């Protein structure tokens, strides 16, 4: 999909749930680390105590992207290397 096609569509992003898992697996199946990524997405959707948050981006009810955000951050590292307080 070309990025210009995103201008005419409504993209919705939400936390991944069980319903999205099969379609997400189909999207990521050709990635080098697809099994690891899928396991992380599965954990995000099934485990409320997970330290990661999984999200999917949808256009016209079709998943066009998946991503994971971690709430485990080494704040000391980022504070020492970047101007976090600015």
C-alpha atoms as a PDB file:
ATOM      1  CA  UNK A   1       0.000   0.000   0.000  1.00  0.00           C
ATOM      2  CA  UNK A   2       1.384   3.387  -0.906  1.00  0.00           C
ATOM      3  CA  UNK A   3       1.448   5.956   1.905  1.00  0.00           C
ATOM      4  CA  UNK A   4      -0.615   8.433  -0.130  1.00  0.00           C
ATOM      5  CA  UNK A   5      -3.573   6.045  -0.024  1.00  0.00           C
ATOM      6  CA  UNK A   6      -3.739   6.594   3.743  1.00  0.00           C
ATOM      7  CA  UNK A   7      -4.838  10.204   3.231  1.00  0.00           C
ATOM      8  CA  UNK A   8      -8.265   9.176   1.941  1.00  0.00           C
ATOM      9  CA  UNK A   9      -8.968   6.530   4.572  1.00  0.00           C
ATOM     10  CA  UNK A  10     -10.009   6.546   8.177  1.00  0.00           C
ATOM     11  CA  UNK A  11      -7.359   4.761  10.193  1.00  0.00           C
ATOM     12  CA  UNK A  12      -8.303   3.468  13.615  1.00  0.00           C
ATOM     13  CA  UNK A  13      -5.795   2.270  16.199  1.00  0.00           C
ATOM     14  CA  UNK A  14      -6.811   0.181  19.186  1.00  0.00           C
ATOM     15  CA  UNK A  15      -5.360  -2.275  21.670  1.00  0.00           C
ATOM     16  CA  UNK A  16      -5.094  -5.757  20.261  1.00  0.00           C
ATOM     17  CA  UNK A  17      -7.668  -8.304  21.362  1.00  0.00           C
ATOM     18  CA  UNK A  18      -8.320 -11.991  20.708  1.00  0.00           C
ATOM     19  CA  UNK A  19     -10.397 -11.242  17.614  1.00  0.00           C
ATOM     20  CA  UNK A  20      -7.432  -9.494  15.950  1.00  0.00           C
ATOM     21  CA  UNK A  21      -4.859 -12.246  16.519  1.00  0.00           C
ATOM     22  CA  UNK A  22      -5.516 -14.384  13.423  1.00  0.00           C
ATOM     23  CA  UNK A  23      -5.508 -11.409  11.077  1.00  0.00           C
ATOM     24  CA  UNK A  24      -2.381 -10.016  12.749  1.00  0.00           C
ATOM     25  CA  UNK A  25      -0.626 -13.362  12.306  1.00  0.00           C
ATOM     26  CA  UNK A  26      -1.470 -13.295   8.603  1.00  0.00           C
ATOM     27  CA  UNK A  27      -0.009  -9.788   8.301  1.00  0.00           C
ATOM     28  CA  UNK A  28       3.284 -10.576  10.054  1.00  0.00           C
ATOM     29  CA  UNK A  29       3.842 -14.135   8.777  1.00  0.00           C
ATOM     30  CA  UNK A  30       6.621 -13.119   6.354  1.00  0.00           C
ATOM     31  CA  UNK A  31       8.712 -11.223   8.909  1.00  0.00           C
ATOM     32  CA  UNK A  32      12.028 -12.696  10.066  1.00  0.00           C
ATOM     33  CA  UNK A  33      10.960 -12.738  13.711  1.00  0.00           C
ATOM     34  CA  UNK A  34       7.265 -13.417  13.089  1.00  0.00           C
ATOM     35  CA  UNK A  35       6.966 -16.138  15.745  1.00  0.00           C
ATOM     36  CA  UNK A  36       8.536 -13.966  18.427  1.00  0.00           C
ATOM     37  CA  UNK A  37       6.415 -10.981  17.409  1.00  0.00           C
ATOM     38  CA  UNK A  38       3.233 -13.067  17.380  1.00  0.00           C
ATOM     39  CA  UNK A  39       3.996 -14.495  20.832  1.00  0.00           C
ATOM     40  CA  UNK A  40       4.396 -10.943  22.136  1.00  0.00           C
ATOM     41  CA  UNK A  41       1.120  -9.856  20.510  1.00  0.00           C
ATOM     42  CA  UNK A  42      -0.602 -12.921  21.954  1.00  0.00           C
ATOM     43  CA  UNK A  43       0.762 -12.163  25.414  1.00  0.00           C
ATOM     44  CA  UNK A  44      -0.433  -8.554  25.152  1.00  0.00           C
ATOM     45  CA  UNK A  45      -3.953  -9.621  24.263  1.00  0.00           C
ATOM     46  CA  UNK A  46      -4.317 -12.498  26.732  1.00  0.00           C
ATOM     47  CA  UNK A  47      -2.249 -11.528  29.770  1.00  0.00           C
ATOM     48  CA  UNK A  48      -3.506  -8.482  31.709  1.00  0.00           C
ATOM     49  CA  UNK A  49      -0.252  -8.464  33.722  1.00  0.00           C
ATOM     50  CA  UNK A  50       1.901  -8.144  30.591  1.00  0.00           C
ATOM     51  CA  UNK A  51       4.550  -5.424  30.618  1.00  0.00           C
ATOM     52  CA  UNK A  52       3.815  -4.705  26.947  1.00  0.00           C
ATOM     53  CA  UNK A  53       0.890  -3.107  25.161  1.00  0.00           C
ATOM     54  CA  UNK A  54      -0.046  -4.389  21.699  1.00  0.00           C
ATOM     55  CA  UNK A  55      -1.876  -2.252  19.164  1.00  0.00           C
ATOM     56  CA  UNK A  56      -3.276  -2.723  15.677  1.00  0.00           C
ATOM     57  CA  UNK A  57      -3.990  -0.109  13.037  1.00  0.00           C
ATOM     58  CA  UNK A  58      -7.037  -0.766  10.857  1.00  0.00           C
ATOM     59  CA  UNK A  59      -8.379   0.736   7.673  1.00  0.00           C
ATOM     60  CA  UNK A  60     -11.860  -0.375   6.636  1.00  0.00           C
ATOM     61  CA  UNK A  61     -11.752  -3.094   9.338  1.00  0.00           C
ATOM     62  CA  UNK A  62      -8.575  -4.620   7.903  1.00  0.00           C
ATOM     63  CA  UNK A  63      -5.345  -4.663   9.909  1.00  0.00           C
ATOM     64  CA  UNK A  64      -2.613  -2.720   8.129  1.00  0.00           C
ATOM     65  CA  UNK A  65      -0.149  -2.505  11.007  1.00  0.00           C
ATOM     66  CA  UNK A  66       0.782  -3.973  14.385  1.00  0.00           C
ATOM     67  CA  UNK A  67       3.072  -2.615  17.048  1.00  0.00           C
ATOM     68  CA  UNK A  68       4.058  -3.233  20.637  1.00  0.00           C
ATOM     69  CA  UNK A  69       4.977  -0.689  23.281  1.00  0.00           C
ATOM     70  CA  UNK A  70       6.769  -1.656  26.464  1.00  0.00           C
ATOM     71  CA  UNK A  71       6.151   0.012  29.792  1.00  0.00           C
ATOM     72  CA  UNK A  72       9.487  -1.289  31.068  1.00  0.00           C
ATOM     73  CA  UNK A  73      11.817   1.605  30.389  1.00  0.00           C
ATOM     74  CA  UNK A  74      15.340   2.111  31.689  1.00  0.00           C
ATOM     75  CA  UNK A  75      14.745   5.728  32.659  1.00  0.00           C
ATOM     76  CA  UNK A  76      18.254   6.174  34.086  1.00  0.00           C
ATOM     77  CA  UNK A  77      19.746   5.322  30.684  1.00  0.00           C
ATOM     78  CA  UNK A  78      17.549   7.779  28.809  1.00  0.00           C
ATOM     79  CA  UNK A  79      18.084  10.518  31.381  1.00  0.00           C
ATOM     80  CA  UNK A  80      21.864  10.132  31.143  1.00  0.00           C
ATOM     81  CA  UNK A  81      21.933  10.110  27.315  1.00  0.00           C
ATOM     82  CA  UNK A  82      19.167  12.561  26.420  1.00  0.00           C
ATOM     83  CA  UNK A  83      17.751  15.813  27.754  1.00  0.00           C
ATOM     84  CA  UNK A  84      14.582  14.210  29.123  1.00  0.00           C
ATOM     85  CA  UNK A  85      13.805  17.075  31.483  1.00  0.00           C
ATOM     86  CA  UNK A  86      13.823  19.699  28.702  1.00  0.00           C
END
